[in-house]
Amino acid sequence: MGTTEQIARFIVDTNYDNIPAEAVRTAKDAIMDGLGVTLAGSTEPGSEIMAQYVKELGGAAQAGVIGSGSKVPAPSAALANGTMAHALDYDDVLTLMSGHPTVPVLPVVLALGEMCHSSGKDVLAAYIIGVEVEGRIGSGIGRRHYAVGWHSTATLGSLGAAAAAAKLLGLGVAETRMALGIAASEAGGLRQNFGTMTKPFHAGNAAKNGIVAAMLAQKGFTADESILETPAGFCAVLGGEGEYDLARMTGNLGNPFAVVEPGLDMKPYPCCRITHRCIDAILHIIEEHHPQAEEVTEVECKTSAFSPQVLIHHRPKTALEGKFSMEYCMARALLDGKIKLAQFSEEKVLEPKVQELLQRVKYVHPEGTEGQRLPEVVTVKLRDGRQYSHEVLLAKGSPGNPMTIAELQVKYRDCANLVLSPEDTERSLELVTHLEEVRDIAELADLVASKSKVHAV
């Protein structure tokens, strides 16, 4: 049995009743986190542009656009909501795919779930399956895929989105293979667009791709039925001949589920995950030793050589670029003593004092450590000769150092309260917390789409 067929059969055969309770619990936490950052992200300029765009396109009122009060066709809703979900770069990470698992999949299960009046159990199963597919394909695609410039959230996310959509639409094995084939040709997204509105667009477009692929397959639209393993297929073209491992993609499908092992990284800070260990380290130094920014002569970040491949903005000029700048995050932490949503605004990034301070931040990359999982170390050096160092192996929010439920709920409320009334925030949190008991996901979708207190598009 070929790789594409094995994955398609897994999608069709997996149902809520045969998913372990631990996977369901973790998925509910991830959906809560993803919905929260989507609500907060809906207020971003790029999100408002996208919401306006899909509203102007028009079409059947199938699914709500979060925070906008409007309903549009399901693919358009997924495009807008996925863009919002990734707008703040505050969403979760899955190491298997070197990307963000929830933002291509959650918009799919919300939009199609609303359109189809799916139950919370059906939405949970489709979400877990979508994350599993993008994660397992990611585990076997090889390092070259990301290294040459593909954005995995966009490429692998398109396949995960298609898997989730196929599950909610009830496609059979043959149709699901077609959906994966269509989504593989839709997939795209370049890392050079990190730090611009197009990076979150990658997530929205992946979500839209998945719904379009599954809807077309349901109507009989065809694609190559073995798109993952064929010589000119997804893995060979986007991974590179000799770089990918098909066996890794199917060897552990659902055993255990990726949401459990290796698990999802949740973000306590609204910026690129690659900055987080160093942020943890410098915040520890600030709490313990209280260095004053004006006394600092140098901040040294000892990381892997991989970090600057992602953190490409060394002299950021916009809020989005600041999220991909280790230098900015270190300087901002020294000045404010915290890294929250408020730290990423145009005004904050352009402050003369932070622009001057970030020039005192430098990288160090030990040679011969490629492929090793080593702690990252931050050293703060002061004018009087004192220096303070702290190392972090596991970032806060990682499976080995998780955020607590209470911390995740605080984050959700902080995000949701930007858009929803306090009452609606609490009601939405209650629905997500007991998602397996929800009979029609439209109740939650309507709440987060139509009850905006701050803005409407």
Protein backbone atom coordinates (compact mmCIF):
# COMPACT_ATOMS: atom_id res chain seq x y z
CA MET A 1 0.00 0.00 0.00
CA GLY A 2 1.42 3.38 -1.03
CA THR A 3 2.04 6.30 1.30
CA THR A 4 -0.85 8.45 0.05
CA GLU A 5 -3.29 5.54 0.34
CA GLN A 6 -2.11 4.69 3.87
CA ILE A 7 -2.64 8.27 4.98
CA ALA A 8 -6.03 8.46 3.27
CA ARG A 9 -7.16 5.26 4.97
CA PHE A 10 -5.98 6.62 8.32
CA ILE A 11 -8.06 9.76 7.76
CA VAL A 12 -11.18 7.78 6.87
CA ASP A 13 -10.82 5.11 9.58
CA THR A 14 -10.01 7.42 12.52
CA ASN A 15 -12.99 8.65 14.52
CA TYR A 16 -13.53 10.41 17.82
CA ASP A 17 -14.30 7.14 19.62
CA ASN A 18 -10.88 5.63 18.83
CA ILE A 19 -8.85 8.72 19.74
CA PRO A 20 -7.28 8.53 23.24
CA ALA A 21 -8.56 10.88 25.93
CA GLU A 22 -5.13 12.50 26.31
CA ALA A 23 -5.14 13.50 22.64
CA VAL A 24 -8.62 15.00 23.01
CA ARG A 25 -7.59 16.96 26.10
CA THR A 26 -4.49 18.34 24.40
CA ALA A 27 -6.48 19.20 21.29
CA LYS A 28 -9.00 21.19 23.33
CA ASP A 29 -6.15 23.19 24.88
CA ALA A 30 -4.73 23.87 21.41
CA ILE A 31 -8.10 24.89 19.99
CA MET A 32 -8.62 27.26 22.94
CA ASP A 33 -5.18 28.76 22.36
CA GLY A 34 -5.71 28.99 18.61
CA LEU A 35 -9.12 30.60 18.92
CA GLY A 36 -7.77 33.15 21.38
CA VAL A 37 -4.90 34.26 19.18
CA THR A 38 -7.30 34.40 16.21
CA LEU A 39 -9.58 36.77 18.09
CA ALA A 40 -6.65 39.00 19.02
CA GLY A 41 -5.21 38.72 15.52
CA SER A 42 -8.47 39.87 13.97
CA THR A 43 -7.64 43.43 15.05
CA GLU A 44 -4.37 43.53 13.08
CA PRO A 45 -4.20 45.65 9.89
CA GLY A 46 -3.53 42.69 7.61
CA SER A 47 -6.43 40.78 9.12
CA GLU A 48 -8.80 43.68 8.57
CA ILE A 49 -7.69 43.92 4.95
CA MET A 50 -8.33 40.21 4.47
CA ALA A 51 -11.73 40.36 6.18
CA GLN A 52 -12.72 43.24 3.92
CA TYR A 53 -11.46 41.33 0.88
CA VAL A 54 -13.50 38.17 1.51
CA LYS A 55 -16.58 40.24 2.35
CA GLU A 56 -16.30 42.06 -0.97
CA LEU A 57 -15.97 38.74 -2.81
CA GLY A 58 -19.41 37.80 -1.53
CA GLY A 59 -21.03 34.44 -2.00
CA ALA A 60 -23.04 32.02 0.12
CA ALA A 61 -23.21 32.85 3.84
CA GLN A 62 -21.74 29.54 4.99
CA ALA A 63 -19.32 30.50 7.77
CA GLY A 64 -18.45 33.47 9.93
CA VAL A 65 -15.37 35.65 9.72
CA ILE A 66 -14.09 36.04 13.26
CA GLY A 67 -14.59 39.46 14.80
CA SER A 68 -16.26 40.88 11.69
CA GLY A 69 -19.97 40.16 11.94
CA SER A 70 -20.05 38.83 8.37
CA LYS A 71 -20.61 35.39 6.84
CA VAL A 72 -19.02 34.22 3.61
CA PRO A 73 -18.36 30.94 1.74
CA ALA A 74 -16.46 28.40 3.85
CA PRO A 75 -13.20 28.65 1.83
CA SER A 76 -13.22 32.43 2.19
CA ALA A 77 -13.89 32.21 5.93
CA ALA A 78 -10.98 29.81 6.33
CA LEU A 79 -8.73 32.17 4.34
CA ALA A 80 -9.63 35.13 6.55
CA ASN A 81 -9.63 33.28 9.87
CA GLY A 82 -6.35 31.49 9.13
CA THR A 83 -4.71 34.80 8.31
CA MET A 84 -6.01 36.24 11.58
CA ALA A 85 -4.84 33.17 13.52
CA HIS A 86 -1.22 33.68 12.44
CA ALA A 87 -1.22 37.49 12.34
CA LEU A 88 0.41 37.90 15.75
CA ASP A 89 2.73 34.88 15.53
CA TYR A 90 1.32 33.94 18.92
CA ASP A 91 0.13 30.48 17.87
CA ASP A 92 1.48 27.03 18.63
CA VAL A 93 4.37 25.11 17.03
CA LEU A 94 4.92 21.45 16.15
CA THR A 95 8.56 20.39 15.84
CA LEU A 96 7.67 17.48 13.54
CA MET A 97 6.66 19.92 10.81
CA SER A 98 8.98 22.82 11.69
CA GLY A 99 5.89 24.98 11.60
CA HIS A 100 2.58 26.00 13.09
CA PRO A 101 0.04 23.17 13.19
CA THR A 102 -3.17 24.78 14.39
CA VAL A 103 -3.48 27.82 12.14
CA PRO A 104 -4.00 25.88 8.86
CA VAL A 105 -6.36 23.34 10.47
CA LEU A 106 -8.51 25.15 13.05
CA PRO A 107 -10.01 27.58 10.46
CA VAL A 108 -11.01 24.55 8.39
CA VAL A 109 -12.83 22.73 11.15
CA LEU A 110 -14.57 25.93 12.29
CA ALA A 111 -15.71 26.97 8.81
CA LEU A 112 -16.75 23.54 7.54
CA GLY A 113 -18.05 22.59 10.96
CA GLU A 114 -20.33 25.61 10.92
CA MET A 115 -21.42 24.94 7.35
CA CYS A 116 -22.16 21.27 8.09
CA HIS A 117 -23.47 21.81 11.65
CA SER A 118 -20.84 19.39 12.93
CA SER A 119 -20.66 18.33 16.56
CA GLY A 120 -17.81 19.22 18.85
CA LYS A 121 -16.65 15.60 18.73
CA ASP A 122 -16.51 15.69 14.93
CA VAL A 123 -14.56 18.96 15.03
CA LEU A 124 -12.09 17.55 17.55
CA ALA A 125 -11.50 14.42 15.49
CA ALA A 126 -10.97 16.39 12.28
CA TYR A 127 -8.58 18.79 14.04
CA ILE A 128 -6.51 15.96 15.55
CA ILE A 129 -6.38 14.17 12.19
CA GLY A 130 -5.33 17.31 10.33
CA VAL A 131 -2.49 18.01 12.76
CA GLU A 132 -1.44 14.37 12.61
CA VAL A 133 -1.19 14.40 8.81
CA GLU A 134 0.82 17.62 8.55
CA GLY A 135 3.06 16.50 11.41
CA ARG A 136 3.80 13.01 10.11
CA ILE A 137 4.43 14.20 6.56
CA GLY A 138 6.66 16.87 8.08
CA SER A 139 8.62 14.26 10.01
CA GLY A 140 9.61 12.56 6.78
CA ILE A 141 9.98 15.45 4.33
CA GLY A 142 13.59 16.10 5.29
CA ARG A 143 15.50 19.21 6.33
CA ARG A 144 16.04 20.51 2.81
CA HIS A 145 12.36 21.46 2.47
CA TYR A 146 12.62 24.23 5.06
CA ALA A 147 16.26 25.06 4.41
CA VAL A 148 15.73 26.07 0.78
CA GLY A 149 12.97 28.51 1.75
CA TRP A 150 9.61 26.72 1.88
CA HIS A 151 7.35 27.75 4.76
CA SER A 152 6.12 24.47 6.24
CA THR A 153 3.01 26.04 7.75
CA ALA A 154 1.89 26.81 4.21
CA THR A 155 3.03 23.66 2.41
CA LEU A 156 2.45 20.90 4.96
CA GLY A 157 -0.46 22.90 6.35
CA SER A 158 -2.28 22.61 3.02
CA LEU A 159 -2.18 18.81 3.34
CA GLY A 160 -3.25 18.87 6.99
CA ALA A 161 -6.09 21.21 6.08
CA ALA A 162 -7.19 18.89 3.30
CA ALA A 163 -7.15 15.94 5.70
CA ALA A 164 -9.34 17.79 8.21
CA ALA A 165 -11.72 18.94 5.50
CA ALA A 166 -11.99 15.46 3.99
CA LYS A 167 -12.86 14.07 7.41
CA LEU A 168 -15.60 16.61 8.11
CA LEU A 169 -17.09 16.15 4.64
CA GLY A 170 -17.09 12.37 5.11
CA LEU A 171 -15.01 11.55 2.03
CA GLY A 172 -14.08 7.96 1.23
CA VAL A 173 -10.54 6.71 0.67
CA ALA A 174 -10.49 7.37 -3.08
CA GLU A 175 -11.89 10.88 -2.68
CA THR A 176 -9.48 11.63 0.16
CA ARG A 177 -6.54 10.61 -2.03
CA MET A 178 -7.80 13.06 -4.62
CA ALA A 179 -8.13 15.80 -2.00
CA LEU A 180 -4.51 15.25 -0.94
CA GLY A 181 -3.44 15.34 -4.58
CA ILE A 182 -5.25 18.60 -5.24
CA ALA A 183 -3.91 20.20 -2.04
CA ALA A 184 -0.36 19.16 -2.90
CA SER A 185 -0.55 21.21 -6.10
CA GLU A 186 -2.04 24.16 -4.23
CA ALA A 187 0.71 24.18 -1.60
CA GLY A 188 3.22 27.04 -1.51
CA GLY A 189 4.70 29.73 0.69
CA LEU A 190 8.17 31.31 0.91
CA ARG A 191 10.04 32.09 4.13
CA GLN A 192 11.37 35.33 2.66
CA ASN A 193 7.96 36.80 3.45
CA PHE A 194 8.50 36.36 7.21
CA GLY A 195 7.91 39.67 8.94
CA THR A 196 5.24 40.79 6.44
CA MET A 197 1.48 40.37 6.15
CA THR A 198 2.09 37.52 3.71
CA LYS A 199 3.42 35.17 6.39
CA PRO A 200 0.02 34.93 8.13
CA PHE A 201 -1.60 34.82 4.68
CA HIS A 202 0.31 31.53 4.23
CA ALA A 203 -1.74 29.97 7.04
CA GLY A 204 -5.04 31.33 5.74
CA ASN A 205 -4.27 30.22 2.21
CA ALA A 206 -3.36 26.72 3.43
CA ALA A 207 -6.71 26.49 5.24
CA LYS A 208 -8.56 27.65 2.14
CA ASN A 209 -6.55 25.19 0.01
CA GLY A 210 -7.69 22.30 2.17
CA ILE A 211 -11.37 23.13 1.91
CA VAL A 212 -11.20 23.75 -1.84
CA ALA A 213 -9.36 20.46 -2.35
CA ALA A 214 -11.87 18.43 -0.33
CA MET A 215 -14.91 20.11 -1.88
CA LEU A 216 -13.59 19.51 -5.39
CA ALA A 217 -12.74 15.89 -4.60
CA GLN A 218 -16.24 15.39 -3.23
CA LYS A 219 -17.62 16.50 -6.62
CA GLY A 220 -15.40 14.09 -8.54
CA PHE A 221 -12.46 16.35 -9.40
CA THR A 222 -9.34 14.29 -9.99
CA ALA A 223 -5.66 14.45 -9.08
CA ASP A 224 -2.80 11.98 -8.94
CA GLU A 225 -3.83 9.34 -6.43
CA SER A 226 -0.29 8.79 -5.13
CA ILE A 227 0.89 12.38 -4.93
CA LEU A 228 3.24 11.95 -1.98
CA GLU A 229 5.40 9.11 -3.32
CA THR A 230 5.45 9.61 -7.10
CA PRO A 231 8.75 10.71 -8.76
CA ALA A 232 7.42 14.17 -9.61
CA GLY A 233 5.13 14.40 -6.60
CA PHE A 234 5.04 16.46 -3.44
CA CYS A 235 7.96 14.89 -1.58
CA ALA A 236 10.35 14.68 -4.52
CA VAL A 237 9.72 18.23 -5.67
CA LEU A 238 9.39 20.05 -2.34
CA GLY A 239 11.68 17.81 -0.32
CA GLY A 240 14.29 16.85 -2.88
CA GLU A 241 15.20 13.43 -4.23
CA GLY A 242 17.00 11.39 -1.60
CA GLU A 243 16.07 13.81 1.18
CA TYR A 244 12.69 12.45 2.29
CA ASP A 245 11.69 9.26 4.12
CA LEU A 246 8.24 7.92 3.28
CA ALA A 247 8.36 5.31 6.04
CA ARG A 248 8.56 8.05 8.68
CA MET A 249 5.34 9.52 7.36
CA THR A 250 3.26 6.40 7.98
CA GLY A 251 5.16 4.41 10.62
CA ASN A 252 3.56 6.14 13.62
CA LEU A 253 0.28 7.47 12.27
CA GLY A 254 -1.87 7.98 15.35
CA ASN A 255 0.39 5.85 17.52
CA PRO A 256 0.80 8.05 19.42
CA PHE A 257 -0.93 11.12 18.01
CA ALA A 258 1.39 14.05 17.37
CA VAL A 259 -0.65 16.29 19.68
CA VAL A 260 0.52 13.99 22.50
CA GLU A 261 4.02 12.99 21.35
CA PRO A 262 6.07 15.03 20.67
CA GLY A 263 3.24 17.42 21.62
CA LEU A 264 2.57 21.04 20.79
CA ASP A 265 4.61 24.05 21.86
CA MET A 266 2.36 26.82 23.18
CA LYS A 267 3.63 30.39 23.10
CA PRO A 268 3.78 32.66 26.15
CA TYR A 269 5.22 35.44 23.96
CA PRO A 270 3.66 36.84 20.73
CA CYS A 271 6.71 36.43 18.49
CA CYS A 272 8.67 33.79 16.61
CA ARG A 273 9.18 30.64 18.69
CA ILE A 274 12.90 30.71 17.89
CA THR A 275 13.25 33.76 20.16
CA HIS A 276 11.59 32.16 23.17
CA ARG A 277 14.45 30.39 24.92
CA CYS A 278 16.53 33.55 24.86
CA ILE A 279 13.52 35.59 26.04
CA ASP A 280 13.08 33.15 28.95
CA ALA A 281 16.77 33.57 29.76
CA ILE A 282 16.88 37.37 29.68
CA LEU A 283 13.64 37.69 31.67
CA HIS A 284 15.21 35.45 34.33
CA ILE A 285 18.29 37.69 34.41
CA ILE A 286 16.10 40.79 34.69
CA GLU A 287 14.07 39.29 37.53
CA GLU A 288 17.16 38.13 39.44
CA HIS A 289 19.62 40.97 38.85
CA HIS A 290 17.63 44.02 37.63
CA PRO A 291 20.13 45.32 35.04
CA GLN A 292 19.32 48.80 33.73
CA ALA A 293 19.22 49.18 29.97
CA GLU A 294 21.54 52.19 29.98
CA GLU A 295 24.17 50.14 31.85
CA VAL A 296 24.23 47.33 29.28
CA THR A 297 27.20 47.24 26.91
CA GLU A 298 26.37 43.92 25.24
CA VAL A 299 23.81 41.13 25.15
CA GLU A 300 25.23 37.90 23.79
CA CYS A 301 22.82 35.21 22.56
CA LYS A 302 24.43 31.81 22.21
CA THR A 303 22.16 29.84 19.91
CA SER A 304 22.32 27.31 17.12
CA ALA A 305 23.21 28.56 13.66
CA PHE A 306 19.59 27.82 12.68
CA SER A 307 18.24 30.84 14.59
CA PRO A 308 19.38 33.62 12.23
CA GLN A 309 18.02 31.65 9.26
CA VAL A 310 14.55 32.34 10.66
CA LEU A 311 15.16 35.56 12.60
CA ILE A 312 16.07 37.50 9.49
CA HIS A 313 15.34 41.05 10.67
CA HIS A 314 18.36 42.36 12.54
CA ARG A 315 17.34 46.02 12.31
CA PRO A 316 13.52 45.85 12.35
CA LYS A 317 11.41 48.82 11.34
CA THR A 318 7.91 47.38 11.72
CA ALA A 319 6.02 45.45 14.38
CA LEU A 320 5.97 42.33 12.20
CA GLU A 321 9.71 42.52 11.61
CA GLY A 322 10.21 42.90 15.36
CA LYS A 323 8.64 39.48 15.86
CA PHE A 324 11.47 38.00 13.78
CA SER A 325 14.30 39.92 15.41
CA MET A 326 16.23 38.47 18.33
CA GLU A 327 17.90 41.84 18.71
CA TYR A 328 14.59 43.63 19.17
CA CYS A 329 13.19 41.06 21.59
CA MET A 330 16.28 41.26 23.80
CA ALA A 331 16.32 45.08 23.77
CA ARG A 332 12.58 45.32 24.40
CA ALA A 333 12.80 42.92 27.34
CA LEU A 334 15.56 45.02 28.91
CA LEU A 335 13.55 48.20 28.52
CA ASP A 336 10.12 46.89 29.58
CA GLY A 337 10.86 43.79 31.66
CA LYS A 338 8.23 41.82 29.74
CA ILE A 339 7.27 40.62 26.28
CA LYS A 340 3.52 40.88 25.69
CA LEU A 341 1.21 42.00 22.89
CA ALA A 342 1.84 45.66 23.73
CA GLN A 343 5.55 45.27 23.02
CA PHE A 344 4.91 44.74 19.32
CA SER A 345 3.64 47.99 17.87
CA GLU A 346 5.12 50.27 15.23
CA GLU A 347 5.78 52.90 17.90
CA LYS A 348 7.58 50.48 20.19
CA VAL A 349 9.80 49.11 17.42
CA LEU A 350 10.76 52.56 16.15
CA GLU A 351 11.61 54.05 19.55
CA PRO A 352 15.11 55.56 19.29
CA LYS A 353 16.20 54.01 22.60
CA VAL A 354 15.28 50.47 21.48
CA GLN A 355 16.84 50.97 18.04
CA GLU A 356 20.08 52.04 19.73
CA LEU A 357 19.99 49.24 22.32
CA LEU A 358 19.30 46.43 19.86
CA GLN A 359 22.60 47.22 18.14
CA ARG A 360 24.33 45.94 21.30
CA VAL A 361 22.85 42.45 20.82
CA LYS A 362 24.97 39.83 19.07
CA TYR A 363 24.76 36.16 18.16
CA VAL A 364 27.28 33.41 18.94
CA HIS A 365 26.97 30.04 17.24
CA PRO A 366 29.26 27.27 18.55
CA GLU A 367 30.83 25.28 15.75
CA GLY A 368 30.35 21.54 15.49
CA THR A 369 27.00 21.52 17.30
CA GLU A 370 24.75 21.00 14.30
CA GLY A 371 21.90 18.61 15.05
CA GLN A 372 22.45 18.74 18.81
CA ARG A 373 19.77 19.94 21.21
CA LEU A 374 21.81 22.28 23.43
CA PRO A 375 20.69 25.01 25.85
CA GLU A 376 20.61 28.57 24.59
CA VAL A 377 22.54 31.04 26.73
CA VAL A 378 22.06 34.77 27.20
CA THR A 379 24.83 36.85 28.76
CA VAL A 380 24.22 40.47 29.75
CA LYS A 381 27.39 42.56 30.15
CA LEU A 382 27.40 45.86 32.09
CA ARG A 383 29.63 48.92 31.97
CA ASP A 384 31.11 48.25 35.41
CA GLY A 385 32.38 44.83 34.32
CA ARG A 386 29.61 42.71 35.84
CA GLN A 387 27.97 40.12 33.65
CA TYR A 388 25.06 37.78 34.17
CA SER A 389 24.31 34.59 32.23
CA HIS A 390 21.40 32.19 32.15
CA GLU A 391 20.77 29.14 29.98
CA VAL A 392 17.48 27.60 28.89
CA LEU A 393 17.09 24.16 27.33
CA LEU A 394 13.29 23.92 27.23
CA ALA A 395 11.33 27.06 26.44
CA LYS A 396 8.27 27.85 28.52
CA GLY A 397 5.28 26.33 26.77
CA SER A 398 7.17 23.36 25.33
CA PRO A 399 5.89 19.85 26.10
CA GLY A 400 8.70 19.41 28.61
CA ASN A 401 7.98 22.76 30.28
CA PRO A 402 4.29 23.34 29.58
CA MET A 403 2.09 26.29 30.30
CA THR A 404 -0.55 25.41 32.88
CA ILE A 405 -4.24 25.39 32.10
CA ALA A 406 -4.58 28.52 34.21
CA GLU A 407 -1.84 30.25 32.19
CA LEU A 408 -3.48 29.23 28.91
CA GLN A 409 -6.82 30.57 30.13
CA VAL A 410 -5.24 33.87 31.14
CA LYS A 411 -3.74 34.12 27.66
CA TYR A 412 -7.12 33.30 26.10
CA ARG A 413 -8.90 35.97 28.11
CA ASP A 414 -6.21 38.56 27.33
CA CYS A 415 -6.66 37.85 23.62
CA ALA A 416 -10.43 37.40 23.48
CA ASN A 417 -11.18 40.49 25.56
CA LEU A 418 -9.72 42.62 22.77
CA VAL A 419 -12.75 41.66 20.67
CA LEU A 420 -15.46 40.07 22.82
CA SER A 421 -17.37 41.34 25.81
CA PRO A 422 -16.35 39.74 29.11
CA GLU A 423 -19.55 37.68 29.08
CA ASP A 424 -18.95 36.37 25.58
CA THR A 425 -15.32 35.68 26.39
CA GLU A 426 -16.37 33.47 29.30
CA ARG A 427 -19.09 31.75 27.28
CA SER A 428 -16.69 30.97 24.43
CA LEU A 429 -14.14 29.63 26.91
CA GLU A 430 -16.79 27.40 28.45
CA LEU A 431 -17.79 26.02 25.05
CA VAL A 432 -14.19 25.21 24.10
CA THR A 433 -13.47 23.68 27.50
CA HIS A 434 -16.41 21.30 27.01
CA LEU A 435 -16.15 21.03 23.24
CA GLU A 436 -16.91 17.31 23.17
CA GLU A 437 -20.35 18.12 24.60
CA VAL A 438 -21.23 20.75 21.96
CA ARG A 439 -23.90 19.47 19.58
CA ASP A 440 -23.44 22.10 16.87
CA ILE A 441 -20.17 24.00 16.49
CA ALA A 442 -22.15 26.84 14.91
CA GLU A 443 -22.94 28.06 18.43
CA LEU A 444 -19.26 28.77 19.06
CA ALA A 445 -18.63 30.02 15.51
CA ASP A 446 -21.50 32.51 15.74
CA LEU A 447 -20.31 33.77 19.10
CA VAL A 448 -16.77 34.59 17.99
CA ALA A 449 -17.75 35.92 14.57
CA SER A 450 -20.77 38.09 15.26
CA LYS A 451 -20.27 39.52 18.74
CA SER A 452 -17.34 41.85 18.13
CA LYS A 453 -17.31 44.78 20.56
CA VAL A 454 -14.34 46.58 19.05
CA HIS A 455 -14.53 46.60 15.29
CA ALA A 456 -16.58 45.36 12.40
CA VAL A 457 -15.63 45.03 8.76
